[in-house]
Structure formats: structure tokens, C-alpha cells
Amino acid sequence: MKRYVIPVILVMLFFIYVQPVFAQSTDENNALKKEIEGLKESQKAMQKDIQEIKNLLSARQSPPGPKEAIISLDDNPFKGDENAKVTIVEFSDYQ
């Protein structure tokens, strides 16, 4: 029985002295909680700003693109495929 008393006492002393070292004070806990709440509020504000920017960008109309031009080439000479998706036409004035 005596050989169990000393280890039990040592374990009890260990827990008594170690516990305050690892515990934080309530002031520290409250300060951390306030800091976390502040960070959460900042995050909400940033998310709101980002959503406003997204809404503005989606409401903004895209600039008009180039218009499609159809030019009849009839029987004029050409090179390449008749059914090509893009046709490059060169106009020139010989004088």
C-alpha cells in the first residue's frame, strides 16, 4: 500500500501545479472573444462590399461588339474555301 501512496501524491501535486499554468485568465478569454467578434464583423463588411461589386458588375452592360458585315463577292476571284467561317476582303484603288 505504501508504494502506491507516493505516486498518487506526486500525480495529485502535478495536477494541482500544472493546471494554473495552462489556464487562461477570464480577461484574456474576453479579450480574445472581442477580437474574434471584431474580425467577424470585418469579414461580414467585406463580404457585403464584394456582393455590391458583383451586383454592379453584373448590372453593367457589356459594350457592343463588332457588327457582322455581309459583302456579296458574286463572281469575283478568291482563294481558299468557299464556306470558310471568316473571309478577308481587300479593297484597293489602282491609279
C-alpha atoms as a PDB file:
ATOM      1  CA  MET A   1       0.000   0.000   0.000  1.00  0.00           C
ATOM      2  CA  LYS A   2       2.884   2.380   0.790  1.00  0.00           C
ATOM      3  CA  ARG A   3       4.306   2.027  -2.694  1.00  0.00           C
ATOM      4  CA  TYR A   4       1.041   3.418  -4.184  1.00  0.00           C
ATOM      5  CA  VAL A   5       0.850   6.415  -1.857  1.00  0.00           C
ATOM      6  CA  ILE A   6       3.900   8.252  -3.186  1.00  0.00           C
ATOM      7  CA  PRO A   7       2.943   8.014  -6.888  1.00  0.00           C
ATOM      8  CA  VAL A   8      -0.632   9.098  -6.114  1.00  0.00           C
ATOM      9  CA  ILE A   9       0.645  12.108  -4.161  1.00  0.00           C
ATOM     10  CA  LEU A  10       3.016  13.006  -6.989  1.00  0.00           C
ATOM     11  CA  VAL A  11       0.216  12.804  -9.559  1.00  0.00           C
ATOM     12  CA  MET A  12      -2.049  14.976  -7.400  1.00  0.00           C
ATOM     13  CA  LEU A  13       0.695  17.578  -6.952  1.00  0.00           C
ATOM     14  CA  PHE A  14       1.375  17.532 -10.679  1.00  0.00           C
ATOM     15  CA  PHE A  15      -2.269  18.323 -11.499  1.00  0.00           C
ATOM     16  CA  ILE A  16      -2.501  20.991  -8.815  1.00  0.00           C
ATOM     17  CA  TYR A  17       0.555  22.919 -10.059  1.00  0.00           C
ATOM     18  CA  VAL A  18       0.224  22.340 -13.783  1.00  0.00           C
ATOM     19  CA  GLN A  19      -3.414  23.386 -14.157  1.00  0.00           C
ATOM     20  CA  PRO A  20      -2.913  27.141 -13.452  1.00  0.00           C
ATOM     21  CA  VAL A  21      -0.042  27.275 -15.918  1.00  0.00           C
ATOM     22  CA  PHE A  22      -2.190  26.158 -18.841  1.00  0.00           C
ATOM     23  CA  ALA A  23      -5.346  28.008 -17.875  1.00  0.00           C
ATOM     24  CA  GLN A  24      -6.001  31.457 -19.306  1.00  0.00           C
ATOM     25  CA  SER A  25      -7.498  34.213 -17.250  1.00  0.00           C
ATOM     26  CA  THR A  26     -11.025  35.365 -17.941  1.00  0.00           C
ATOM     27  CA  ASP A  27      -9.663  38.758 -19.023  1.00  0.00           C
ATOM     28  CA  GLU A  28      -7.580  37.098 -21.714  1.00  0.00           C
ATOM     29  CA  ASN A  29     -10.547  34.997 -22.823  1.00  0.00           C
ATOM     30  CA  ASN A  30     -12.791  38.068 -23.006  1.00  0.00           C
ATOM     31  CA  ALA A  31     -10.174  39.986 -24.986  1.00  0.00           C
ATOM     32  CA  LEU A  32      -9.854  37.104 -27.440  1.00  0.00           C
ATOM     33  CA  LYS A  33     -13.638  36.862 -27.791  1.00  0.00           C
ATOM     34  CA  LYS A  34     -13.865  40.602 -28.531  1.00  0.00           C
ATOM     35  CA  GLU A  35     -11.103  40.317 -31.109  1.00  0.00           C
ATOM     36  CA  ILE A  36     -12.846  37.382 -32.788  1.00  0.00           C
ATOM     37  CA  GLU A  37     -16.144  39.301 -32.883  1.00  0.00           C
ATOM     38  CA  GLY A  38     -14.348  42.270 -34.443  1.00  0.00           C
ATOM     39  CA  LEU A  39     -12.831  40.021 -37.095  1.00  0.00           C
ATOM     40  CA  LYS A  40     -16.241  38.501 -37.824  1.00  0.00           C
ATOM     41  CA  GLU A  41     -17.763  41.964 -38.283  1.00  0.00           C
ATOM     42  CA  SER A  42     -14.923  42.954 -40.621  1.00  0.00           C
ATOM     43  CA  GLN A  43     -15.446  39.783 -42.624  1.00  0.00           C
ATOM     44  CA  LYS A  44     -19.193  40.488 -42.928  1.00  0.00           C
ATOM     45  CA  ALA A  45     -18.467  44.034 -44.122  1.00  0.00           C
ATOM     46  CA  MET A  46     -16.004  42.739 -46.729  1.00  0.00           C
ATOM     47  CA  GLN A  47     -18.493  40.130 -47.950  1.00  0.00           C
ATOM     48  CA  LYS A  48     -21.153  42.835 -48.266  1.00  0.00           C
ATOM     49  CA  ASP A  49     -18.766  45.046 -50.277  1.00  0.00           C
ATOM     50  CA  ILE A  50     -17.839  42.139 -52.550  1.00  0.00           C
ATOM     51  CA  GLN A  51     -21.516  41.351 -53.165  1.00  0.00           C
ATOM     52  CA  GLU A  52     -22.193  45.011 -54.036  1.00  0.00           C
ATOM     53  CA  ILE A  53     -19.300  44.978 -56.513  1.00  0.00           C
ATOM     54  CA  LYS A  54     -20.612  41.764 -58.079  1.00  0.00           C
ATOM     55  CA  ASN A  55     -24.083  43.286 -58.417  1.00  0.00           C
ATOM     56  CA  LEU A  56     -22.688  46.431 -60.039  1.00  0.00           C
ATOM     57  CA  LEU A  57     -20.608  44.416 -62.485  1.00  0.00           C
ATOM     58  CA  SER A  58     -23.480  42.123 -63.431  1.00  0.00           C
ATOM     59  CA  ALA A  59     -25.822  45.103 -63.948  1.00  0.00           C
ATOM     60  CA  ARG A  60     -23.309  46.858 -66.157  1.00  0.00           C
ATOM     61  CA  GLN A  61     -23.988  46.294 -69.832  1.00  0.00           C
ATOM     62  CA  SER A  62     -21.233  44.883 -71.948  1.00  0.00           C
ATOM     63  CA  PRO A  63     -20.036  47.192 -74.709  1.00  0.00           C
ATOM     64  CA  PRO A  64     -21.436  46.414 -78.136  1.00  0.00           C
ATOM     65  CA  GLY A  65     -19.232  44.129 -80.164  1.00  0.00           C
ATOM     66  CA  PRO A  66     -18.356  44.470 -83.811  1.00  0.00           C
ATOM     67  CA  LYS A  67     -21.275  44.130 -86.181  1.00  0.00           C
ATOM     68  CA  GLU A  68     -21.330  41.391 -88.757  1.00  0.00           C
ATOM     69  CA  ALA A  69     -20.885  42.653 -92.292  1.00  0.00           C
ATOM     70  CA  ILE A  70     -22.142  40.713 -95.271  1.00  0.00           C
ATOM     71  CA  ILE A  71     -20.487  41.556 -98.561  1.00  0.00           C
ATOM     72  CA  SER A  72     -21.520  39.878-101.743  1.00  0.00           C
ATOM     73  CA  LEU A  73     -18.477  38.805-103.739  1.00  0.00           C
ATOM     74  CA  ASP A  74     -20.513  37.134-106.501  1.00  0.00           C
ATOM     75  CA  ASP A  75     -18.182  36.016-109.280  1.00  0.00           C
ATOM     76  CA  ASN A  76     -15.061  37.861-108.120  1.00  0.00           C
ATOM     77  CA  PRO A  77     -11.865  35.848-107.876  1.00  0.00           C
ATOM     78  CA  PHE A  78     -10.960  34.363-104.484  1.00  0.00           C
ATOM     79  CA  LYS A  79      -8.527  31.976-102.830  1.00  0.00           C
ATOM     80  CA  GLY A  80      -9.455  29.313-100.300  1.00  0.00           C
ATOM     81  CA  ASP A  81     -12.627  27.534 -99.224  1.00  0.00           C
ATOM     82  CA  GLU A  82     -15.963  28.976-100.344  1.00  0.00           C
ATOM     83  CA  ASN A  83     -17.546  28.017 -96.991  1.00  0.00           C
ATOM     84  CA  ALA A  84     -14.870  29.484 -94.711  1.00  0.00           C
ATOM     85  CA  LYS A  85     -16.077  30.982 -91.425  1.00  0.00           C
ATOM     86  CA  VAL A  86     -14.037  34.146 -91.924  1.00  0.00           C
ATOM     87  CA  THR A  87     -13.487  35.948 -95.205  1.00  0.00           C
ATOM     88  CA  ILE A  88     -10.889  38.672 -95.599  1.00  0.00           C
ATOM     89  CA  VAL A  89     -11.661  41.113 -98.370  1.00  0.00           C
ATOM     90  CA  GLU A  90      -9.075  43.590 -99.612  1.00  0.00           C
ATOM     91  CA  PHE A  91     -10.261  46.746-101.333  1.00  0.00           C
ATOM     92  CA  SER A  92      -7.643  48.680-103.230  1.00  0.00           C
ATOM     93  CA  ASP A  93      -7.610  51.563-105.676  1.00  0.00           C
ATOM     94  CA  TYR A  94      -5.127  51.345-108.530  1.00  0.00           C
ATOM     95  CA  GLN A  95      -4.243  54.735-110.010  1.00  0.00           C
END
